[in-house]
Amino acid sequence: MSEVMDYKSRVSDPASRKFETFSYLPAMTKDQIKKQVEFLVKKGWNPAIEHTEPTHLQDSYWYMWKLPMFGETDVARILSEAEACHKANPDNHVRLIGYNNFNQSQGASMVIFRGKTV
């Protein structure tokens, strides 16, 4: 059995903090982000975009970028809003959420743009 790698993520070290599954991987490319948006749309989930400062990463409150895009299926429009949020808040983490209407929960949540860590 192989050793499980310990990711030394510590609250005291902002640069080491991990905040969701994809944060253990290299940052997603534009094409990979597009594929995630396509997945949300294919599942019928409502996309929403949120952002927060890296120093508040561990808080449960993130700022909502506009309102959730209920019923939006245009992948380009969703990507455009995510990029607009990132451009308006370049130092913040930006995450994409897919709300599942049937289960009344988040079907997916991932940081697609990483903010600057201190």
Protein backbone atom coordinates (compact mmCIF):
# COMPACT_ATOMS: atom_id res chain seq x y z
CA MET A 1 0.00 0.00 0.00
CA SER A 2 1.42 3.41 -0.91
CA GLU A 3 1.91 6.24 1.54
CA VAL A 4 -0.75 8.91 1.63
CA MET A 5 0.79 12.33 1.13
CA ASP A 6 0.32 14.86 3.94
CA TYR A 7 -0.55 18.30 2.59
CA LYS A 8 0.78 20.68 5.19
CA SER A 9 -2.17 23.05 5.07
CA ARG A 10 -2.18 25.34 8.08
CA VAL A 11 -4.45 28.21 9.10
CA SER A 12 -1.36 30.12 10.24
CA ASP A 13 0.17 29.90 6.74
CA PRO A 14 -2.17 31.51 4.16
CA ALA A 15 -0.12 30.23 1.22
CA SER A 16 -0.62 26.60 2.33
CA ARG A 17 -4.38 26.67 2.88
CA LYS A 18 -6.51 24.24 0.93
CA PHE A 19 -10.16 25.03 0.45
CA GLU A 20 -11.71 22.36 -1.71
CA THR A 21 -10.82 19.26 -3.72
CA PHE A 22 -9.48 21.05 -6.80
CA SER A 23 -7.17 23.24 -4.68
CA TYR A 24 -4.84 20.25 -4.28
CA LEU A 25 -4.33 20.27 -8.05
CA PRO A 26 -2.70 22.87 -10.27
CA ALA A 27 -4.94 25.82 -11.14
CA MET A 28 -7.48 24.96 -13.83
CA THR A 29 -6.90 26.16 -17.38
CA LYS A 30 -9.59 28.13 -19.23
CA ASP A 31 -10.55 24.95 -21.10
CA GLN A 32 -10.89 22.99 -17.86
CA ILE A 33 -13.04 25.74 -16.33
CA LYS A 34 -15.22 25.70 -19.45
CA LYS A 35 -15.67 21.93 -19.10
CA GLN A 36 -16.79 22.38 -15.49
CA VAL A 37 -19.34 24.99 -16.57
CA GLU A 38 -20.56 22.67 -19.33
CA PHE A 39 -20.97 19.92 -16.72
CA LEU A 40 -23.10 22.19 -14.49
CA VAL A 41 -25.28 23.20 -17.42
CA LYS A 42 -25.63 19.58 -18.58
CA LYS A 43 -26.80 18.58 -15.08
CA GLY A 44 -29.41 21.38 -15.14
CA TRP A 45 -27.87 23.11 -12.13
CA ASN A 46 -28.15 26.87 -11.66
CA PRO A 47 -24.74 28.54 -11.73
CA ALA A 48 -23.68 31.19 -9.24
CA ILE A 49 -20.41 33.01 -8.69
CA GLU A 50 -18.96 34.06 -5.34
CA HIS A 51 -15.69 35.61 -4.22
CA THR A 52 -13.74 36.34 -1.04
CA GLU A 53 -10.40 37.65 0.12
CA PRO A 54 -7.75 34.96 0.71
CA THR A 55 -7.50 36.06 4.36
CA HIS A 56 -11.20 35.18 4.84
CA LEU A 57 -10.98 31.87 3.05
CA GLN A 58 -11.89 29.83 6.13
CA ASP A 59 -15.01 31.92 6.81
CA SER A 60 -18.34 30.52 5.70
CA TYR A 61 -19.38 33.85 4.16
CA TRP A 62 -18.41 34.58 0.57
CA TYR A 63 -19.64 37.60 -1.39
CA MET A 64 -22.16 36.79 -4.08
CA TRP A 65 -21.36 38.18 -7.52
CA LYS A 66 -24.74 39.43 -8.70
CA LEU A 67 -27.60 36.93 -8.34
CA PRO A 68 -27.47 33.23 -9.18
CA MET A 69 -28.02 32.69 -12.89
CA PHE A 70 -31.27 30.76 -12.61
CA GLY A 71 -31.95 28.78 -15.78
CA GLU A 72 -28.84 30.06 -17.58
CA THR A 73 -27.56 27.56 -20.13
CA ASP A 74 -25.22 29.77 -22.17
CA VAL A 75 -21.74 28.58 -21.19
CA ALA A 76 -20.09 31.68 -22.69
CA ARG A 77 -22.28 33.98 -20.62
CA ILE A 78 -21.50 32.10 -17.41
CA LEU A 79 -17.77 32.22 -18.18
CA SER A 80 -18.05 35.92 -18.98
CA GLU A 81 -19.60 36.63 -15.57
CA ALA A 82 -16.92 34.58 -13.80
CA GLU A 83 -14.19 36.48 -15.62
CA ALA A 84 -15.91 39.82 -14.86
CA CYS A 85 -15.95 38.92 -11.17
CA HIS A 86 -12.27 37.98 -11.31
CA LYS A 87 -11.40 41.20 -13.14
CA ALA A 88 -13.33 43.31 -10.61
CA ASN A 89 -11.75 41.42 -7.67
CA PRO A 90 -8.31 40.33 -8.93
CA ASP A 91 -6.90 39.55 -5.48
CA ASN A 92 -9.88 37.43 -4.40
CA HIS A 93 -10.65 33.76 -4.78
CA VAL A 94 -13.57 33.26 -7.18
CA ARG A 95 -15.69 30.15 -7.01
CA LEU A 96 -18.32 28.66 -9.26
CA ILE A 97 -21.31 26.96 -7.67
CA GLY A 98 -23.92 24.74 -9.26
CA TYR A 99 -27.20 24.73 -7.33
CA ASN A 100 -29.19 21.53 -7.64
CA ASN A 101 -32.89 22.48 -7.59
CA PHE A 102 -34.06 18.92 -7.07
CA ASN A 103 -31.98 18.27 -3.93
CA GLN A 104 -32.07 21.91 -2.79
CA SER A 105 -28.31 21.86 -2.30
CA GLN A 106 -25.03 22.69 -3.97
CA GLY A 107 -24.30 20.07 -6.58
CA ALA A 108 -20.81 21.46 -7.12
CA SER A 109 -18.59 24.17 -5.74
CA MET A 110 -15.08 24.91 -6.97
CA VAL A 111 -12.61 27.76 -6.88
CA ILE A 112 -11.90 28.67 -10.49
CA PHE A 113 -9.66 31.70 -9.92
CA ARG A 114 -7.25 31.82 -7.01
CA GLY A 115 -6.51 35.08 -5.25
CA LYS A 116 -3.12 36.30 -4.18
CA THR A 117 -1.87 34.85 -0.91
CA VAL A 118 0.34 36.83 1.42
